[in-house]
Every structure is written in C-alpha cells, then in structure tokens.
Amino acid sequence: MTAPTQSSPGLRRELTLGGAIAIGLSSMIGAGLFSAFGPATAAAGSALLVGLLIAFVVAACNATSTAQLAAQYPTSGGSYVYGRERLGEWWGFMAGWGFVVGKSASAAAMALTVAAYAAPAAWLKPVALAALVVMVVLNLVGVTRTAQAARIIVALVLTGLAVVLVAAWLSTGPNAPTGFEAMFAGIGTRLSTASGWYGVLQSAGLLFFAFAGYARIATLGEEVRDPQRNIPRAIITTLLVVGAIYAVVALTLLAKLGAGGIAVSDAPLADAADAAGTAPWAAVLVRITAAIAALGALLAGIAGVTRTALAMARNHDLPPVLAAVHPKFGVPHIATIVLGVVVALLILVGDVREVIGFSSAGVLTYYFVANLAAFTQQSDNRRYPRWMQVLGMVLCALLVFTLPWQSLLGGIAMFGAGFLVRGIAELRRARNDASRGAHN
C-alpha cells in the first residue's frame, strides 16, 4: 500500500463523517448542475431522464466499488492506490495520471466558471485567478478548514437552489407546452432508433460527471476518522443526495422549458425561472448560486488532485518533492502550491472549458480501474456483488466510446504522453540500478 515514510509523514486523520460528506457534496453539486443539462438534452432530447438514470447507475456501480476499496485501503490516492495494489503499477498509474491531468484542467474550468457568473467579461481571468488563490489558501491551512468551507458553500448552494426551484413550481406563469406530456410521449420514439440510443448514452456520459465527485472522499482516505466505517457511508450518502437533487432539477426543467428549450439554453435554471414567470431576482440568484457551486467544486477538486499527486509522488510516479507534508497544517503543501501554479497557467492560456474533453476520458478510465480492482477483492473485503463491478466496467467503457471524437483523441494523447514519460523514467531507473550493481 502507498504509505507515508519517514521523509514523507502521514496526513492527519481529522476529517469527520460530516466533513467528508460536505466535501463530496461540494464536489458533485458544482457548476455542472447549472450548465450540463443543456448539452445533455441536446444529445438525448425528450429521453433526458433515461440518460440521467443511466448516469446514476454508472455512478452507483463506481461508488460502491470505490467504497469497498476505500474500506480496505484507507490512504490517500483513491483509484491510483487501488489499481496499484490489486492490478499492478501500470494500472495504478493509468488511473492516477488520468485523474491528476484531467482534474487539473477541470479546476481551471471551475475557476473560469466562477468568474463567468460573478464578473464582467473584461474581468474574467483576474477574478478566476483570485478565486483560485483563495481556494488554494484554504487547502493549505488544513483539511478541517477545507471541510468547514465546504459546509458553508454546500449550505449556500442548496439554499439558493431550493429557493429557485420552489419559485419555479409555485409561480403562476404557464408551463412550457412541451412539458411532461410531450416528454413521456416522445421517449419511446426517441429510443426506437440506434441514433436515439447513441444520443442517450452520450447524454449519460455528460451527466455522469455531475456524480463523479465522490472520488474526492476516497482520495482523502488518509485524513478521514474511522475510515473503514465513515468513507463508505460518506460516499453512498453523497451519491443518493445528489441523485435526488439532479432528478428534481431535471423534472423542473422539463416541466418549465421542455426538451427543446433546455437544449438551446446556456443557463437552463435561469431560463426555467423566467419561463415560469418568477421575479427577475430569480435569475440573479441562479447566477450567484452557480458561482458559489463552482467555487465549491474548485475547493474540493484541489483537495482531491493534491492527495492523488501525493500518493503518486510517494511511489516516484510524480516528482518525490510533491510527497512533502506540512508539519503544522498536515497537508501536501508543495503539491497544492504546484497545482495552483499549473491551474493559474491554464487560466492564463485561454478558456480551457472548450479544450478539456480529455478530462471525460480520464475520469471514466479512473473508474474503470476502480471497478476492475474491486472485482479482484476477496470475500473478506467484499461489500457488494461482483456483477455490479462488471456492469460498472462495461458502462464506463461504453460511455468513453460515445464521447465526441475530439474528446476521445484528447484522452488517447493524454495517456500516451503519460505512459511515454513513465516508461522513460523506468528505463533510466533500471539502468541506474544495473550500473550500481555492476560497480558493487
């Protein structure tokens, strides 16, 4: 197991069950809640709920596998550690590399999303950088502070979301003519062709990432109290809560906008509030809530990426300096600072929201490894039947190949670069070992 060494001390077990749930919720109730339904509905049409259901099933398989593995390996790194321990070093590297690179780009996208909702276009990058700095600092002062901030963010987001949804349902404005009746009538027609099912699967792939934040809980495994009990409980609780929230949001959007209205909207919740005849403040509240949600996703994303980087650095899959843990705050401070610099550069380079398609391939690969690793666990450590892990692997692989071709090529390039660099490093280490052996 990836473990702390004398030169790389362990992290502190200070995170309670409530804190773990808060970090998971802040990861999953991100800006995607306010924007993912548009492209997902464009792909699935009136069968949006079918895509959402498939995404939830994939997430449930992955979450149960992750929970089962986290109980046996309660250390930092998530699927990087699970793949390495149960399948081999290269499997672990594939999961860890996909997560670190993909989620670093996602962190930049979240920072830009905060700015897009909270500031004028001219201030986009300065505000994004300011948001990044604040979240990096919060991560540097300890995991308990991170959890406290996550609790506040989640409370604000859920409150704002609840107000908007209640206002939409209680308003006197007319429902969209393409509401529930047309939606249910159109599902069968939509699924009667191969292209219809392809669109639904692509929709599931887009919506799946709304559920993927429970991995953050597993990557913090070395900092959770009573991890064998609390990590599985936190993962499953978070998934069920978020699944219910997404179902309510999807039903609201379909009732107020219809599938056609959602598909052409950049801010479906704000448009649903307008269509329902609510006061102008509702759209303003949506923007504020979306900015706070993106901030929460950025906060939790930094925590997850740095813990995976810490685990990889301990095994020299990343530079060993990234394994340093701050003696006072008990966090991987160098990894956090380095990630902050990398994300800041990505923000300055351009609008990475348009070029992070490979992140999708990385996350699905990450969970494919998790399901495969869980499949190999013995009866003493099993909590869920093996068919769930098989279903998870099949669906992860299927969703990868339904991604747009640009995303698929980006993922192949990302993993190819990572394997090449690691292969060169392995050859150098082997030559150095052989050279030392010859001299001895």
Protein backbone atom coordinates (compact mmCIF):
# COMPACT_ATOMS: atom_id res chain seq x y z
CA MET A 1 0.00 0.00 0.00
CA THR A 2 1.12 3.54 -0.70
CA ALA A 3 2.13 4.74 2.74
CA PRO A 4 3.96 7.56 4.40
CA THR A 5 7.66 7.18 5.03
CA GLN A 6 9.99 8.79 7.49
CA SER A 7 10.78 11.50 4.93
CA SER A 8 7.13 11.73 3.90
CA PRO A 9 4.98 11.76 7.07
CA GLY A 10 1.36 10.74 7.00
CA LEU A 11 -1.58 13.10 6.83
CA ARG A 12 -3.71 13.69 9.93
CA ARG A 13 -6.99 11.84 10.49
CA GLU A 14 -9.05 14.91 11.33
CA LEU A 15 -11.94 14.63 8.87
CA THR A 16 -15.29 13.56 10.38
CA LEU A 17 -18.12 11.81 8.56
CA GLY A 18 -19.94 15.13 8.19
CA GLY A 19 -16.82 16.81 6.82
CA ALA A 20 -16.30 14.02 4.27
CA ILE A 21 -19.93 14.31 3.12
CA ALA A 22 -19.59 18.10 2.81
CA ILE A 23 -16.51 17.78 0.61
CA GLY A 24 -18.25 15.14 -1.52
CA LEU A 25 -21.34 17.30 -1.95
CA SER A 26 -19.29 20.39 -2.82
CA SER A 27 -17.54 18.31 -5.50
CA MET A 28 -20.73 16.96 -7.01
CA ILE A 29 -23.05 19.96 -6.75
CA GLY A 30 -20.80 22.09 -8.92
CA ALA A 31 -21.35 24.35 -11.87
CA GLY A 32 -22.37 21.32 -13.95
CA LEU A 33 -25.73 21.41 -12.20
CA PHE A 34 -26.38 24.75 -13.88
CA SER A 35 -24.95 24.00 -17.33
CA ALA A 36 -24.70 20.25 -18.04
CA PHE A 37 -28.39 19.76 -18.73
CA GLY A 38 -28.22 21.86 -21.90
CA PRO A 39 -25.75 19.71 -23.88
CA ALA A 40 -27.14 16.52 -22.29
CA THR A 41 -30.64 17.34 -23.53
CA ALA A 42 -29.30 18.33 -26.94
CA ALA A 43 -27.99 14.76 -27.18
CA ALA A 44 -30.90 12.86 -25.59
CA GLY A 45 -33.88 15.08 -26.40
CA SER A 46 -37.06 14.03 -24.63
CA ALA A 47 -35.24 10.96 -23.23
CA LEU A 48 -33.14 13.13 -20.88
CA LEU A 49 -34.41 11.25 -17.83
CA VAL A 50 -33.25 7.96 -19.36
CA GLY A 51 -29.76 9.42 -19.80
CA LEU A 52 -29.85 10.67 -16.22
CA LEU A 53 -30.90 7.23 -14.96
CA ILE A 54 -28.05 5.53 -16.88
CA ALA A 55 -25.59 8.08 -15.47
CA PHE A 56 -26.85 7.32 -11.96
CA VAL A 57 -26.49 3.56 -12.49
CA VAL A 58 -22.90 4.04 -13.69
CA ALA A 59 -22.21 6.26 -10.70
CA ALA A 60 -23.77 3.73 -8.30
CA CYS A 61 -21.56 0.91 -9.62
CA ASN A 62 -18.47 3.09 -9.40
CA ALA A 63 -19.38 4.45 -5.97
CA THR A 64 -19.93 1.02 -4.44
CA SER A 65 -16.62 -0.21 -5.90
CA THR A 66 -14.85 2.87 -4.56
CA ALA A 67 -16.45 2.46 -1.13
CA GLN A 68 -15.47 -1.21 -0.97
CA LEU A 69 -11.87 -0.46 -1.92
CA ALA A 70 -11.57 2.58 0.35
CA ALA A 71 -12.53 0.47 3.37
CA GLN A 72 -9.62 -1.90 2.63
CA TYR A 73 -7.11 0.81 1.60
CA PRO A 74 -7.85 3.90 3.72
CA THR A 75 -4.99 6.01 2.39
CA SER A 76 -4.53 8.93 0.02
CA GLY A 77 -4.73 8.36 -3.72
CA GLY A 78 -8.07 6.71 -4.47
CA SER A 79 -8.06 4.50 -7.58
CA TYR A 80 -4.35 5.14 -8.11
CA VAL A 81 -3.68 3.16 -4.94
CA TYR A 82 -6.39 0.58 -5.60
CA GLY A 83 -5.17 -0.13 -9.11
CA ARG A 84 -1.55 -0.32 -7.99
CA GLU A 85 -2.29 -2.66 -5.10
CA ARG A 86 -4.67 -5.03 -6.84
CA LEU A 87 -3.73 -4.88 -10.54
CA GLY A 88 -0.16 -3.62 -10.84
CA GLU A 89 1.86 -0.43 -11.09
CA TRP A 90 0.86 0.50 -14.64
CA TRP A 91 -2.87 0.16 -13.90
CA GLY A 92 -2.46 2.41 -10.89
CA PHE A 93 -0.50 4.93 -12.91
CA MET A 94 -3.18 4.98 -15.62
CA ALA A 95 -5.87 5.83 -13.06
CA GLY A 96 -3.76 8.38 -11.21
CA TRP A 97 -2.45 10.11 -14.33
CA GLY A 98 -5.92 10.42 -15.85
CA PHE A 99 -7.27 11.87 -12.62
CA VAL A 100 -4.46 14.37 -11.96
CA VAL A 101 -4.23 15.73 -15.51
CA GLY A 102 -7.95 15.72 -16.24
CA LYS A 103 -8.99 17.27 -12.94
CA SER A 104 -6.25 19.92 -13.12
CA ALA A 105 -7.85 21.15 -16.33
CA SER A 106 -11.27 20.89 -14.70
CA ALA A 107 -10.03 23.05 -11.81
CA ALA A 108 -9.08 25.77 -14.28
CA ALA A 109 -12.51 25.45 -15.89
CA MET A 110 -14.21 25.79 -12.50
CA ALA A 111 -12.22 28.93 -11.68
CA LEU A 112 -13.22 30.45 -15.02
CA THR A 113 -16.82 29.41 -14.42
CA VAL A 114 -16.84 31.26 -11.08
CA ALA A 115 -15.65 34.38 -12.88
CA ALA A 116 -18.10 33.92 -15.76
CA TYR A 117 -21.04 34.02 -13.35
CA ALA A 118 -19.63 36.59 -10.91
CA ALA A 119 -17.81 39.19 -13.01
CA PRO A 120 -17.95 41.13 -16.31
CA ALA A 121 -16.19 39.56 -19.28
CA ALA A 122 -13.29 42.05 -19.04
CA TRP A 123 -12.53 40.79 -15.52
CA LEU A 124 -12.86 37.08 -16.32
CA LYS A 125 -9.26 35.99 -15.82
CA PRO A 126 -8.37 38.28 -12.87
CA VAL A 127 -11.43 37.09 -10.95
CA ALA A 128 -10.71 33.45 -11.87
CA LEU A 129 -7.16 33.80 -10.56
CA ALA A 130 -8.40 35.45 -7.37
CA ALA A 131 -10.85 32.59 -6.79
CA LEU A 132 -8.05 30.09 -7.36
CA VAL A 133 -5.76 31.82 -4.86
CA VAL A 134 -8.44 31.82 -2.16
CA MET A 135 -9.21 28.12 -2.65
CA VAL A 136 -5.51 27.20 -2.66
CA VAL A 137 -5.01 29.08 0.61
CA LEU A 138 -7.99 27.31 2.19
CA ASN A 139 -6.49 23.97 1.16
CA LEU A 140 -3.12 24.96 2.63
CA VAL A 141 -4.42 25.69 6.14
CA GLY A 142 -5.66 22.17 6.85
CA VAL A 143 -8.32 19.67 5.82
CA THR A 144 -10.66 20.71 8.66
CA ARG A 145 -10.71 24.28 7.32
CA THR A 146 -11.37 22.88 3.85
CA ALA A 147 -14.30 20.86 5.23
CA GLN A 148 -15.67 23.90 7.10
CA ALA A 149 -15.57 25.98 3.93
CA ALA A 150 -17.22 23.12 2.01
CA ARG A 151 -20.08 23.00 4.56
CA ILE A 152 -20.73 26.72 4.13
CA ILE A 153 -20.61 26.51 0.34
CA VAL A 154 -22.93 23.49 0.22
CA ALA A 155 -25.42 25.19 2.55
CA LEU A 156 -25.46 28.33 0.39
CA VAL A 157 -25.83 26.38 -2.86
CA LEU A 158 -28.64 24.15 -1.57
CA THR A 159 -30.49 27.14 -0.13
CA GLY A 160 -30.24 29.13 -3.36
CA LEU A 161 -31.22 26.13 -5.45
CA ALA A 162 -34.21 25.33 -3.23
CA VAL A 163 -35.49 28.92 -3.47
CA VAL A 164 -35.24 28.92 -7.27
CA LEU A 165 -36.95 25.52 -7.65
CA VAL A 166 -39.77 26.37 -5.26
CA ALA A 167 -40.29 29.73 -7.00
CA ALA A 168 -40.45 27.98 -10.38
CA TRP A 169 -43.05 25.44 -9.23
CA LEU A 170 -45.21 27.89 -7.26
CA SER A 171 -45.24 30.63 -9.88
CA THR A 172 -48.39 31.46 -11.80
CA GLY A 173 -46.63 31.55 -15.16
CA PRO A 174 -47.59 28.95 -17.77
CA ASN A 175 -45.71 25.73 -18.13
CA ALA A 176 -43.93 25.09 -21.40
CA PRO A 177 -46.22 23.46 -23.97
CA THR A 178 -43.61 20.75 -24.40
CA GLY A 179 -43.71 19.72 -20.73
CA PHE A 180 -44.33 16.33 -19.11
CA GLU A 181 -46.98 15.08 -21.52
CA ALA A 182 -44.84 15.60 -24.62
CA MET A 183 -41.77 14.33 -22.80
CA PHE A 184 -43.26 10.95 -21.91
CA ALA A 185 -44.87 10.62 -25.31
CA GLY A 186 -41.56 11.26 -27.03
CA ILE A 187 -39.33 8.89 -25.04
CA GLY A 188 -40.44 5.76 -26.90
CA THR A 189 -39.99 7.42 -30.26
CA ARG A 190 -36.53 8.70 -29.28
CA LEU A 191 -35.36 5.23 -28.19
CA SER A 192 -36.73 3.42 -31.25
CA THR A 193 -33.58 4.06 -33.32
CA ALA A 194 -29.87 3.37 -32.87
CA SER A 195 -29.08 7.08 -33.22
CA GLY A 196 -31.55 7.79 -30.43
CA TRP A 197 -29.81 5.39 -28.08
CA TYR A 198 -26.43 6.81 -29.06
CA GLY A 199 -27.65 10.26 -28.07
CA VAL A 200 -28.98 8.95 -24.75
CA LEU A 201 -25.65 7.29 -23.97
CA GLN A 202 -23.78 10.47 -24.87
CA SER A 203 -26.16 12.32 -22.57
CA ALA A 204 -25.36 9.85 -19.79
CA GLY A 205 -21.66 10.44 -20.36
CA LEU A 206 -22.14 14.19 -19.98
CA LEU A 207 -24.32 13.85 -16.89
CA PHE A 208 -22.13 11.21 -15.24
CA PHE A 209 -19.54 13.81 -14.29
CA ALA A 210 -22.11 15.50 -12.13
CA PHE A 211 -21.92 12.40 -9.93
CA ALA A 212 -18.17 11.78 -10.10
CA GLY A 213 -17.22 13.91 -7.09
CA TYR A 214 -17.47 11.05 -4.60
CA ALA A 215 -13.93 10.12 -5.67
CA ARG A 216 -12.72 13.13 -3.66
CA ILE A 217 -13.79 11.35 -0.48
CA ALA A 218 -11.71 8.30 -1.39
CA THR A 219 -8.65 10.37 -2.29
CA LEU A 220 -8.83 11.88 1.22
CA GLY A 221 -8.85 8.41 2.80
CA GLU A 222 -5.74 9.05 4.89
CA GLU A 223 -7.43 12.00 6.62
CA VAL A 224 -10.85 10.51 7.49
CA ARG A 225 -11.51 9.29 11.02
CA ASP A 226 -12.60 5.65 11.33
CA PRO A 227 -12.16 5.26 7.54
CA GLN A 228 -13.45 1.67 7.23
CA ARG A 229 -16.82 2.88 8.52
CA ASN A 230 -17.02 6.54 7.51
CA ILE A 231 -15.68 6.52 3.93
CA PRO A 232 -18.26 4.04 2.55
CA ARG A 233 -21.06 5.83 4.42
CA ALA A 234 -19.95 9.23 3.12
CA ILE A 235 -19.70 8.01 -0.49
CA ILE A 236 -23.11 6.34 -0.59
CA THR A 237 -24.85 9.17 1.29
CA THR A 238 -23.40 11.77 -1.05
CA LEU A 239 -24.42 9.84 -4.16
CA LEU A 240 -28.03 9.38 -3.00
CA VAL A 241 -28.45 13.03 -2.02
CA VAL A 242 -27.05 14.32 -5.31
CA GLY A 243 -29.05 11.81 -7.34
CA ALA A 244 -32.26 13.11 -5.77
CA ILE A 245 -31.26 16.73 -6.41
CA TYR A 246 -30.48 16.08 -10.07
CA ALA A 247 -33.78 14.25 -10.58
CA VAL A 248 -35.75 17.19 -9.15
CA VAL A 249 -33.80 19.68 -11.28
CA ALA A 250 -34.33 17.59 -14.45
CA LEU A 251 -38.08 17.30 -13.83
CA THR A 252 -38.34 21.03 -13.17
CA LEU A 253 -36.51 21.93 -16.36
CA LEU A 254 -38.60 19.55 -18.46
CA ALA A 255 -41.83 20.90 -16.99
CA LYS A 256 -40.94 24.58 -17.41
CA LEU A 257 -38.87 24.57 -20.62
CA GLY A 258 -39.44 21.27 -22.38
CA ALA A 259 -36.61 19.33 -24.02
CA GLY A 260 -36.28 21.82 -26.87
CA GLY A 261 -35.92 24.76 -24.52
CA ILE A 262 -33.30 23.06 -22.36
CA ALA A 263 -31.23 22.01 -25.37
CA VAL A 264 -30.73 25.58 -26.62
CA SER A 265 -30.14 27.15 -23.21
CA ASP A 266 -26.76 28.09 -21.72
CA ALA A 267 -28.38 28.66 -18.30
CA PRO A 268 -31.41 26.36 -18.13
CA LEU A 269 -32.30 27.02 -14.49
CA ALA A 270 -32.37 30.77 -15.04
CA ASP A 271 -34.46 30.29 -18.19
CA ALA A 272 -36.83 27.96 -16.32
CA ALA A 273 -37.33 30.64 -13.68
CA ASP A 274 -38.10 33.17 -16.41
CA ALA A 275 -40.44 30.81 -18.24
CA ALA A 276 -42.33 30.17 -15.02
CA GLY A 277 -42.98 33.88 -14.63
CA THR A 278 -40.89 34.36 -11.47
CA ALA A 279 -39.49 37.72 -10.43
CA PRO A 280 -36.23 38.97 -12.03
CA TRP A 281 -34.37 38.23 -8.81
CA ALA A 282 -34.61 34.50 -9.54
CA ALA A 283 -32.21 34.72 -12.49
CA VAL A 284 -29.79 36.77 -10.37
CA LEU A 285 -29.99 34.16 -7.61
CA VAL A 286 -29.23 31.41 -10.14
CA ARG A 287 -26.05 33.22 -11.19
CA ILE A 288 -24.92 33.74 -7.59
CA THR A 289 -25.68 30.12 -6.67
CA ALA A 290 -23.86 28.80 -9.76
CA ALA A 291 -20.76 30.87 -8.93
CA ILE A 292 -20.73 29.55 -5.36
CA ALA A 293 -21.23 25.97 -6.61
CA ALA A 294 -18.28 26.30 -8.99
CA LEU A 295 -16.23 27.65 -6.09
CA GLY A 296 -17.08 24.55 -4.06
CA ALA A 297 -16.10 22.25 -6.91
CA LEU A 298 -12.79 24.09 -7.23
CA LEU A 299 -12.13 23.79 -3.48
CA ALA A 300 -12.81 20.05 -3.39
CA GLY A 301 -11.05 19.46 -6.71
CA ILE A 302 -7.80 20.91 -5.40
CA ALA A 303 -8.01 18.64 -2.34
CA GLY A 304 -8.60 15.54 -4.47
CA VAL A 305 -5.89 16.19 -7.07
CA THR A 306 -3.21 17.03 -4.49
CA ARG A 307 -3.86 13.84 -2.47
CA THR A 308 -3.59 11.72 -5.60
CA ALA A 309 -0.40 13.58 -6.55
CA LEU A 310 0.93 12.90 -3.03
CA ALA A 311 0.32 9.17 -3.41
CA MET A 312 1.94 9.09 -6.87
CA ALA A 313 4.94 11.06 -5.62
CA ARG A 314 5.49 8.56 -2.79
CA ASN A 315 5.98 5.89 -5.46
CA HIS A 316 8.06 8.17 -7.74
CA ASP A 317 5.34 8.24 -10.40
CA LEU A 318 5.50 12.01 -9.92
CA PRO A 319 8.45 14.04 -8.56
CA PRO A 320 9.06 12.91 -4.94
CA VAL A 321 9.07 16.51 -3.68
CA LEU A 322 5.29 16.54 -4.12
CA ALA A 323 5.00 14.00 -1.27
CA ALA A 324 6.04 16.59 1.34
CA VAL A 325 3.51 17.18 4.14
CA HIS A 326 3.45 20.46 6.08
CA PRO A 327 4.48 19.83 9.73
CA LYS A 328 1.94 22.31 11.14
CA PHE A 329 -1.10 22.07 8.87
CA GLY A 330 -0.72 18.42 7.86
CA VAL A 331 -1.42 18.96 4.15
CA PRO A 332 0.60 18.24 0.97
CA HIS A 333 1.63 21.89 0.72
CA ILE A 334 4.13 21.63 -2.13
CA ALA A 335 1.70 19.63 -4.28
CA THR A 336 -1.01 22.21 -3.52
CA ILE A 337 1.20 25.15 -4.48
CA VAL A 338 2.43 23.43 -7.65
CA LEU A 339 -1.14 22.60 -8.65
CA GLY A 340 -2.12 26.22 -8.04
CA VAL A 341 0.64 27.42 -10.37
CA VAL A 342 -0.32 24.89 -13.07
CA VAL A 343 -4.01 25.83 -12.89
CA ALA A 344 -3.14 29.54 -12.98
CA LEU A 345 -1.14 28.99 -16.18
CA LEU A 346 -4.07 27.11 -17.71
CA ILE A 347 -6.36 30.01 -16.84
CA LEU A 348 -3.98 32.49 -18.47
CA VAL A 349 -3.54 30.40 -21.63
CA GLY A 350 -7.19 30.54 -22.58
CA ASP A 351 -10.71 29.38 -21.95
CA VAL A 352 -9.94 25.78 -21.05
CA ARG A 353 -13.64 24.95 -20.76
CA GLU A 354 -13.52 24.35 -24.50
CA VAL A 355 -10.45 22.08 -24.53
CA ILE A 356 -10.84 19.74 -21.54
CA GLY A 357 -12.73 16.97 -23.30
CA PHE A 358 -9.94 14.56 -22.43
CA SER A 359 -10.93 15.04 -18.78
CA SER A 360 -14.04 12.96 -19.51
CA ALA A 361 -11.97 10.08 -20.84
CA GLY A 362 -9.63 10.37 -17.85
CA VAL A 363 -12.39 10.15 -15.26
CA LEU A 364 -14.12 7.21 -16.93
CA THR A 365 -10.78 5.38 -17.15
CA TYR A 366 -10.18 6.15 -13.48
CA TYR A 367 -13.44 4.44 -12.53
CA PHE A 368 -12.91 1.55 -14.94
CA VAL A 369 -9.73 0.77 -12.97
CA ALA A 370 -11.66 1.11 -9.68
CA ASN A 371 -14.30 -1.39 -10.82
CA LEU A 372 -11.68 -3.84 -12.05
CA ALA A 373 -9.72 -3.56 -8.81
CA ALA A 374 -12.88 -4.10 -6.73
CA PHE A 375 -13.72 -7.16 -8.82
CA THR A 376 -10.48 -8.81 -7.62
CA GLN A 377 -11.18 -8.30 -3.90
CA GLN A 378 -11.66 -11.41 -1.79
CA SER A 379 -14.75 -12.28 0.23
CA ASP A 380 -13.37 -10.85 3.49
CA ASN A 381 -13.32 -7.36 1.96
CA ARG A 382 -16.38 -7.58 -0.27
CA ARG A 383 -19.46 -5.46 0.44
CA TYR A 384 -21.21 -5.60 -2.96
CA PRO A 385 -21.74 -8.37 -5.58
CA ARG A 386 -19.26 -8.75 -8.43
CA TRP A 387 -21.91 -8.18 -11.09
CA MET A 388 -22.01 -4.51 -10.05
CA GLN A 389 -18.30 -4.15 -10.83
CA VAL A 390 -18.74 -5.90 -14.20
CA LEU A 391 -21.64 -3.60 -15.06
CA GLY A 392 -19.57 -0.60 -13.99
CA MET A 393 -16.66 -1.61 -16.23
CA VAL A 394 -18.91 -2.22 -19.23
CA LEU A 395 -20.73 1.09 -18.85
CA CYS A 396 -17.53 3.09 -18.29
CA ALA A 397 -16.01 1.62 -21.47
CA LEU A 398 -19.24 2.18 -23.39
CA LEU A 399 -19.50 5.83 -22.34
CA VAL A 400 -15.88 6.51 -23.31
CA PHE A 401 -16.63 5.46 -26.87
CA THR A 402 -19.76 7.60 -27.05
CA LEU A 403 -17.75 10.75 -26.27
CA PRO A 404 -17.15 13.19 -29.14
CA TRP A 405 -14.16 12.09 -31.23
CA GLN A 406 -12.15 15.16 -30.19
CA SER A 407 -12.52 14.14 -26.54
CA LEU A 408 -11.54 10.56 -27.31
CA LEU A 409 -8.42 11.62 -29.23
CA GLY A 410 -7.52 14.04 -26.44
CA GLY A 411 -7.75 11.21 -23.91
CA ILE A 412 -5.59 8.92 -26.02
CA ALA A 413 -2.97 11.67 -26.36
CA MET A 414 -3.04 12.35 -22.61
CA PHE A 415 -2.49 8.72 -21.65
CA GLY A 416 0.09 8.23 -24.40
CA ALA A 417 2.17 11.12 -23.07
CA GLY A 418 1.92 9.82 -19.51
CA PHE A 419 2.92 6.27 -20.43
CA LEU A 420 5.84 7.54 -22.51
CA VAL A 421 7.22 9.69 -19.69
CA ARG A 422 6.82 6.92 -17.12
CA GLY A 423 8.38 4.36 -19.46
CA ILE A 424 11.44 6.56 -19.98
CA ALA A 425 11.74 7.07 -16.22
CA GLU A 426 11.50 3.31 -15.63
CA LEU A 427 14.26 2.63 -18.16
CA ARG A 428 16.52 5.21 -16.51
CA ARG A 429 15.92 3.69 -13.07
CA ALA A 430 16.64 0.21 -14.41
CA ARG A 431 19.90 1.41 -16.00
CA ASN A 432 20.95 3.16 -12.80
CA ASP A 433 20.22 0.05 -10.77
CA ALA A 434 22.19 -2.09 -13.22
CA SER A 435 25.09 0.35 -13.12
CA ARG A 436 25.18 0.35 -9.32
CA GLY A 437 25.01 -3.45 -9.33
CA ALA A 438 27.95 -3.67 -11.72
CA HIS A 439 30.06 -1.38 -9.53
CA ASN A 440 29.25 -3.44 -6.48
